[in-house]
């Protein structure tokens, strides 16, 4: 079993990891936590709070594979 790029040997360990993640995850309707990501190509960063000052921002999460 794998979770977030880590191989997990047993279900109990995996469930503990999932529960810990869910405690930190944003809830529907709550503001997203601020984050900074490097730009593709390495020229600078993108910060959610800076983008939001300029225009509305939509975050979409899901699997596209």
PDB file of N, CA and C in Angstrom:
ATOM      1  N   UNK A   1       0.855  -1.168   0.000  1.00  0.00           N
ATOM      2  CA  UNK A   1       0.000   0.000   0.000  1.00  0.00           C
ATOM      3  C   UNK A   1       0.897   1.225   0.000  1.00  0.00           C
ATOM      4  N   UNK A   2       0.489   2.290  -0.686  1.00  0.00           N
ATOM      5  CA  UNK A   2       1.288   3.511  -0.653  1.00  0.00           C
ATOM      6  C   UNK A   2       0.398   4.692  -0.290  1.00  0.00           C
ATOM      7  N   UNK A   3       1.011   5.685   0.323  1.00  0.00           N
ATOM      8  CA  UNK A   3       0.309   6.893   0.717  1.00  0.00           C
ATOM      9  C   UNK A   3       1.283   8.044   0.615  1.00  0.00           C
ATOM     10  N   UNK A   4       0.949   9.005  -0.206  1.00  0.00           N
ATOM     11  CA  UNK A   4       1.770  10.212  -0.371  1.00  0.00           C
ATOM     12  C   UNK A   4       3.224   9.877  -0.664  1.00  0.00           C
ATOM     13  N   UNK A   5       3.440   8.924  -1.571  1.00  0.00           N
ATOM     14  CA  UNK A   5       4.793   8.602  -1.995  1.00  0.00           C
ATOM     15  C   UNK A   5       5.571   7.711  -1.060  1.00  0.00           C
ATOM     16  N   UNK A   6       4.945   7.251   0.019  1.00  0.00           N
ATOM     17  CA  UNK A   6       5.622   6.378   0.972  1.00  0.00           C
ATOM     18  C   UNK A   6       5.019   4.982   0.875  1.00  0.00           C
ATOM     19  N   UNK A   7       5.871   3.972   0.942  1.00  0.00           N
ATOM     20  CA  UNK A   7       5.377   2.600   0.953  1.00  0.00           C
ATOM     21  C   UNK A   7       5.021   2.246   2.389  1.00  0.00           C
ATOM     22  N   UNK A   8       3.814   1.737   2.572  1.00  0.00           N
ATOM     23  CA  UNK A   8       3.324   1.392   3.900  1.00  0.00           C
ATOM     24  C   UNK A   8       3.034  -0.101   3.921  1.00  0.00           C
ATOM     25  N   UNK A   9       3.642  -0.801   4.864  1.00  0.00           N
ATOM     26  CA  UNK A   9       3.552  -2.258   4.909  1.00  0.00           C
ATOM     27  C   UNK A   9       2.221  -2.767   5.448  1.00  0.00           C
ATOM     28  N   UNK A  10       1.576  -2.018   6.323  1.00  0.00           N
ATOM     29  CA  UNK A  10       0.343  -2.549   6.913  1.00  0.00           C
ATOM     30  C   UNK A  10      -0.768  -1.501   6.947  1.00  0.00           C
ATOM     31  N   UNK A  11      -1.976  -1.977   7.013  1.00  0.00           N
ATOM     32  CA  UNK A  11      -3.172  -1.126   6.978  1.00  0.00           C
ATOM     33  C   UNK A  11      -3.239  -0.188   8.183  1.00  0.00           C
ATOM     34  N   UNK A  12      -2.861  -0.660   9.364  1.00  0.00           N
ATOM     35  CA  UNK A  12      -2.945   0.167  10.565  1.00  0.00           C
ATOM     36  C   UNK A  12      -2.072   1.414  10.435  1.00  0.00           C
ATOM     37  N   UNK A  13      -0.855   1.236   9.963  1.00  0.00           N
ATOM     38  CA  UNK A  13       0.043   2.374   9.771  1.00  0.00           C
ATOM     39  C   UNK A  13      -0.528   3.331   8.734  1.00  0.00           C
ATOM     40  N   UNK A  14      -1.047   2.793   7.641  1.00  0.00           N
ATOM     41  CA  UNK A  14      -1.632   3.626   6.594  1.00  0.00           C
ATOM     42  C   UNK A  14      -2.814   4.427   7.133  1.00  0.00           C
ATOM     43  N   UNK A  15      -3.664   3.811   7.910  1.00  0.00           N
ATOM     44  CA  UNK A  15      -4.831   4.509   8.454  1.00  0.00           C
ATOM     45  C   UNK A  15      -4.404   5.623   9.414  1.00  0.00           C
ATOM     46  N   UNK A  16      -3.356   5.394  10.207  1.00  0.00           N
ATOM     47  CA  UNK A  16      -2.861   6.446  11.101  1.00  0.00           C
ATOM     48  C   UNK A  16      -2.332   7.630  10.299  1.00  0.00           C
ATOM     49  N   UNK A  17      -1.652   7.339   9.190  1.00  0.00           N
ATOM     50  CA  UNK A  17      -1.140   8.413   8.341  1.00  0.00           C
ATOM     51  C   UNK A  17      -2.280   9.207   7.720  1.00  0.00           C
ATOM     52  N   UNK A  18      -3.320   8.523   7.271  1.00  0.00           N
ATOM     53  CA  UNK A  18      -4.479   9.184   6.666  1.00  0.00           C
ATOM     54  C   UNK A  18      -5.195  10.053   7.697  1.00  0.00           C
ATOM     55  N   UNK A  19      -5.394   9.539   8.894  1.00  0.00           N
ATOM     56  CA  UNK A  19      -6.063  10.305   9.943  1.00  0.00           C
ATOM     57  C   UNK A  19      -5.269  11.561  10.301  1.00  0.00           C
ATOM     58  N   UNK A  20      -3.945  11.447  10.385  1.00  0.00           N
ATOM     59  CA  UNK A  20      -3.104  12.613  10.691  1.00  0.00           C
ATOM     60  C   UNK A  20      -3.222  13.656   9.582  1.00  0.00           C
ATOM     61  N   UNK A  21      -3.253  13.205   8.340  1.00  0.00           N
ATOM     62  CA  UNK A  21      -3.397  14.125   7.210  1.00  0.00           C
ATOM     63  C   UNK A  21      -4.753  14.833   7.251  1.00  0.00           C
ATOM     64  N   UNK A  22      -5.814  14.084   7.541  1.00  0.00           N
ATOM     65  CA  UNK A  22      -7.160  14.662   7.536  1.00  0.00           C
ATOM     66  C   UNK A  22      -7.330  15.729   8.615  1.00  0.00           C
ATOM     67  N   UNK A  23      -6.607  15.607   9.726  1.00  0.00           N
ATOM     68  CA  UNK A  23      -6.682  16.620  10.781  1.00  0.00           C
ATOM     69  C   UNK A  23      -6.106  17.954  10.303  1.00  0.00           C
ATOM     70  N   UNK A  24      -5.132  17.905   9.382  1.00  0.00           N
ATOM     71  CA  UNK A  24      -4.482  19.108   8.890  1.00  0.00           C
ATOM     72  C   UNK A  24      -5.134  19.668   7.634  1.00  0.00           C
ATOM     73  N   UNK A  25      -5.917  18.864   6.944  1.00  0.00           N
ATOM     74  CA  UNK A  25      -6.484  19.267   5.654  1.00  0.00           C
ATOM     75  C   UNK A  25      -7.540  20.362   5.833  1.00  0.00           C
ATOM     76  N   UNK A  26      -7.602  21.262   4.869  1.00  0.00           N
ATOM     77  CA  UNK A  26      -8.622  22.314   4.882  1.00  0.00           C
ATOM     78  C   UNK A  26      -9.998  21.693   4.672  1.00  0.00           C
ATOM     79  N   UNK A  27     -10.986  22.285   5.262  1.00  0.00           N
ATOM     80  CA  UNK A  27     -12.362  21.815   5.133  1.00  0.00           C
ATOM     81  C   UNK A  27     -13.086  22.646   4.081  1.00  0.00           C
ATOM     82  N   UNK A  28     -14.105  22.062   3.488  1.00  0.00           N
ATOM     83  CA  UNK A  28     -14.902  22.774   2.485  1.00  0.00           C
ATOM     84  C   UNK A  28     -15.479  24.036   3.098  1.00  0.00           C
ATOM     85  N   UNK A  29     -15.347  25.135   2.369  1.00  0.00           N
ATOM     86  CA  UNK A  29     -15.876  26.414   2.821  1.00  0.00           C
ATOM     87  C   UNK A  29     -14.899  27.239   3.641  1.00  0.00           C
ATOM     88  N   UNK A  30     -13.794  26.639   4.087  1.00  0.00           N
ATOM     89  CA  UNK A  30     -12.781  27.367   4.835  1.00  0.00           C
ATOM     90  C   UNK A  30     -11.759  27.956   3.869  1.00  0.00           C
ATOM     91  N   UNK A  31     -11.123  29.045   4.258  1.00  0.00           N
ATOM     92  CA  UNK A  31     -10.063  29.591   3.401  1.00  0.00           C
ATOM     93  C   UNK A  31      -8.909  28.594   3.270  1.00  0.00           C
ATOM     94  N   UNK A  32      -8.310  28.558   2.103  1.00  0.00           N
ATOM     95  CA  UNK A  32      -7.162  27.677   1.885  1.00  0.00           C
ATOM     96  C   UNK A  32      -5.963  28.224   2.645  1.00  0.00           C
ATOM     97  N   UNK A  33      -5.121  27.349   3.188  1.00  0.00           N
ATOM     98  CA  UNK A  33      -3.904  27.838   3.833  1.00  0.00           C
ATOM     99  C   UNK A  33      -2.965  28.441   2.782  1.00  0.00           C
ATOM    100  N   UNK A  34      -2.240  29.460   3.167  1.00  0.00           N
ATOM    101  CA  UNK A  34      -1.317  30.094   2.232  1.00  0.00           C
ATOM    102  C   UNK A  34      -0.174  29.137   1.899  1.00  0.00           C
ATOM    103  N   UNK A  35       0.317  29.196   0.671  1.00  0.00           N
ATOM    104  CA  UNK A  35       1.449  28.367   0.266  1.00  0.00           C
ATOM    105  C   UNK A  35       2.231  29.079  -0.820  1.00  0.00           C
ATOM    106  N   UNK A  36       3.485  28.663  -0.981  1.00  0.00           N
ATOM    107  CA  UNK A  36       4.376  29.196  -2.007  1.00  0.00           C
ATOM    108  C   UNK A  36       4.953  28.028  -2.787  1.00  0.00           C
ATOM    109  N   UNK A  37       4.927  28.145  -4.113  1.00  0.00           N
ATOM    110  CA  UNK A  37       5.455  27.112  -5.002  1.00  0.00           C
ATOM    111  C   UNK A  37       6.481  27.727  -5.947  1.00  0.00           C
ATOM    112  N   UNK A  38       7.502  26.935  -6.328  1.00  0.00           N
ATOM    113  CA  UNK A  38       8.447  27.440  -7.320  1.00  0.00           C
ATOM    114  C   UNK A  38       7.798  27.454  -8.697  1.00  0.00           C
ATOM    115  N   UNK A  39       8.124  28.459  -9.502  1.00  0.00           N
ATOM    116  CA  UNK A  39       7.609  28.531 -10.862  1.00  0.00           C
ATOM    117  C   UNK A  39       8.363  27.551 -11.755  1.00  0.00           C
ATOM    118  N   UNK A  40       7.694  27.019 -12.744  1.00  0.00           N
ATOM    119  CA  UNK A  40       8.330  26.131 -13.705  1.00  0.00           C
ATOM    120  C   UNK A  40       9.425  26.924 -14.412  1.00  0.00           C
ATOM    121  N   UNK A  41      10.582  26.357 -14.529  1.00  0.00           N
ATOM    122  CA  UNK A  41      11.700  27.058 -15.141  1.00  0.00           C
ATOM    123  C   UNK A  41      12.622  27.691 -14.118  1.00  0.00           C
ATOM    124  N   UNK A  42      12.190  27.730 -12.851  1.00  0.00           N
ATOM    125  CA  UNK A  42      13.047  28.212 -11.777  1.00  0.00           C
ATOM    126  C   UNK A  42      13.141  29.709 -11.600  1.00  0.00           C
ATOM    127  N   UNK A  43      12.341  30.496 -12.305  1.00  0.00           N
ATOM    128  CA  UNK A  43      12.405  31.952 -12.161  1.00  0.00           C
ATOM    129  C   UNK A  43      11.371  32.459 -11.165  1.00  0.00           C
ATOM    130  N   UNK A  44      11.642  32.341  -9.892  1.00  0.00           N
ATOM    131  CA  UNK A  44      10.764  32.893  -8.874  1.00  0.00           C
ATOM    132  C   UNK A  44       9.794  31.900  -8.272  1.00  0.00           C
ATOM    133  N   UNK A  45       8.810  32.448  -7.567  1.00  0.00           N
ATOM    134  CA  UNK A  45       7.810  31.641  -6.871  1.00  0.00           C
ATOM    135  C   UNK A  45       6.418  32.216  -7.080  1.00  0.00           C
ATOM    136  N   UNK A  46       5.435  31.429  -6.746  1.00  0.00           N
ATOM    137  CA  UNK A  46       4.035  31.841  -6.791  1.00  0.00           C
ATOM    138  C   UNK A  46       3.471  31.610  -5.391  1.00  0.00           C
ATOM    139  N   UNK A  47       2.876  32.643  -4.802  1.00  0.00           N
ATOM    140  CA  UNK A  47       2.294  32.555  -3.466  1.00  0.00           C
ATOM    141  C   UNK A  47       0.798  32.800  -3.567  1.00  0.00           C
ATOM    142  N   UNK A  48       0.016  31.942  -2.928  1.00  0.00           N
ATOM    143  CA  UNK A  48      -1.439  32.040  -3.010  1.00  0.00           C
ATOM    144  C   UNK A  48      -1.937  33.406  -2.556  1.00  0.00           C
ATOM    145  N   UNK A  49      -1.456  33.906  -1.439  1.00  0.00           N
ATOM    146  CA  UNK A  49      -1.945  35.188  -0.918  1.00  0.00           C
ATOM    147  C   UNK A  49      -1.646  36.345  -1.874  1.00  0.00           C
ATOM    148  N   UNK A  50      -0.520  36.296  -2.585  1.00  0.00           N
ATOM    149  CA  UNK A  50      -0.198  37.344  -3.556  1.00  0.00           C
ATOM    150  C   UNK A  50      -1.119  37.265  -4.771  1.00  0.00           C
ATOM    151  N   UNK A  51      -1.413  36.052  -5.223  1.00  0.00           N
ATOM    152  CA  UNK A  51      -2.322  35.877  -6.363  1.00  0.00           C
ATOM    153  C   UNK A  51      -3.727  36.369  -6.007  1.00  0.00           C
ATOM    154  N   UNK A  52      -4.161  36.080  -4.790  1.00  0.00           N
ATOM    155  CA  UNK A  52      -5.511  36.444  -4.366  1.00  0.00           C
ATOM    156  C   UNK A  52      -5.692  37.957  -4.291  1.00  0.00           C
ATOM    157  N   UNK A  53      -4.623  38.688  -4.001  1.00  0.00           N
ATOM    158  CA  UNK A  53      -4.702  40.148  -3.964  1.00  0.00           C
ATOM    159  C   UNK A  53      -5.010  40.729  -5.339  1.00  0.00           C
ATOM    160  N   UNK A  54      -4.584  40.040  -6.397  1.00  0.00           N
ATOM    161  CA  UNK A  54      -4.759  40.533  -7.767  1.00  0.00           C
ATOM    162  C   UNK A  54      -6.100  40.157  -8.372  1.00  0.00           C
ATOM    163  N   UNK A  55      -6.603  38.948  -8.051  1.00  0.00           N
ATOM    164  CA  UNK A  55      -7.861  38.465  -8.644  1.00  0.00           C
ATOM    165  C   UNK A  55      -8.330  37.228  -7.882  1.00  0.00           C
ATOM    166  N   UNK A  56      -9.580  36.830  -8.046  1.00  0.00           N
ATOM    167  CA  UNK A  56     -10.062  35.610  -7.395  1.00  0.00           C
ATOM    168  C   UNK A  56      -9.254  34.386  -7.865  1.00  0.00           C
ATOM    169  N   UNK A  57      -9.111  33.427  -6.975  1.00  0.00           N
ATOM    170  CA  UNK A  57      -8.332  32.223  -7.258  1.00  0.00           C
ATOM    171  C   UNK A  57      -9.203  30.996  -7.005  1.00  0.00           C
ATOM    172  N   UNK A  58      -9.186  30.043  -7.925  1.00  0.00           N
ATOM    173  CA  UNK A  58      -9.889  28.772  -7.737  1.00  0.00           C
ATOM    174  C   UNK A  58      -8.857  27.663  -7.633  1.00  0.00           C
ATOM    175  N   UNK A  59      -8.954  26.856  -6.586  1.00  0.00           N
ATOM    176  CA  UNK A  59      -8.071  25.708  -6.410  1.00  0.00           C
ATOM    177  C   UNK A  59      -8.881  24.458  -6.734  1.00  0.00           C
ATOM    178  N   UNK A  60      -8.358  23.635  -7.615  1.00  0.00           N
ATOM    179  CA  UNK A  60      -9.048  22.411  -8.010  1.00  0.00           C
ATOM    180  C   UNK A  60      -8.137  21.233  -7.683  1.00  0.00           C
ATOM    181  N   UNK A  61      -8.665  20.283  -6.943  1.00  0.00           N
ATOM    182  CA  UNK A  61      -7.898  19.105  -6.572  1.00  0.00           C
ATOM    183  C   UNK A  61      -8.599  17.881  -7.139  1.00  0.00           C
ATOM    184  N   UNK A  62      -7.821  16.945  -7.603  1.00  0.00           N
ATOM    185  CA  UNK A  62      -8.393  15.703  -8.108  1.00  0.00           C
ATOM    186  C   UNK A  62      -7.354  14.896  -8.845  1.00  0.00           C
ATOM    187  N   UNK A  63      -7.754  13.730  -9.241  1.00  0.00           N
ATOM    188  CA  UNK A  63      -6.863  12.845  -9.983  1.00  0.00           C
ATOM    189  C   UNK A  63      -7.232  12.885 -11.452  1.00  0.00           C
ATOM    190  N   UNK A  64      -6.254  13.104 -12.279  1.00  0.00           N
ATOM    191  CA  UNK A  64      -6.496  13.170 -13.710  1.00  0.00           C
ATOM    192  C   UNK A  64      -5.807  12.030 -14.440  1.00  0.00           C
ATOM    193  N   UNK A  65      -5.513  10.968 -13.711  1.00  0.00           N
ATOM    194  CA  UNK A  65      -4.851   9.819 -14.333  1.00  0.00           C
ATOM    195  C   UNK A  65      -5.798   8.675 -14.527  1.00  0.00           C
TER     196      UNK A  65
END
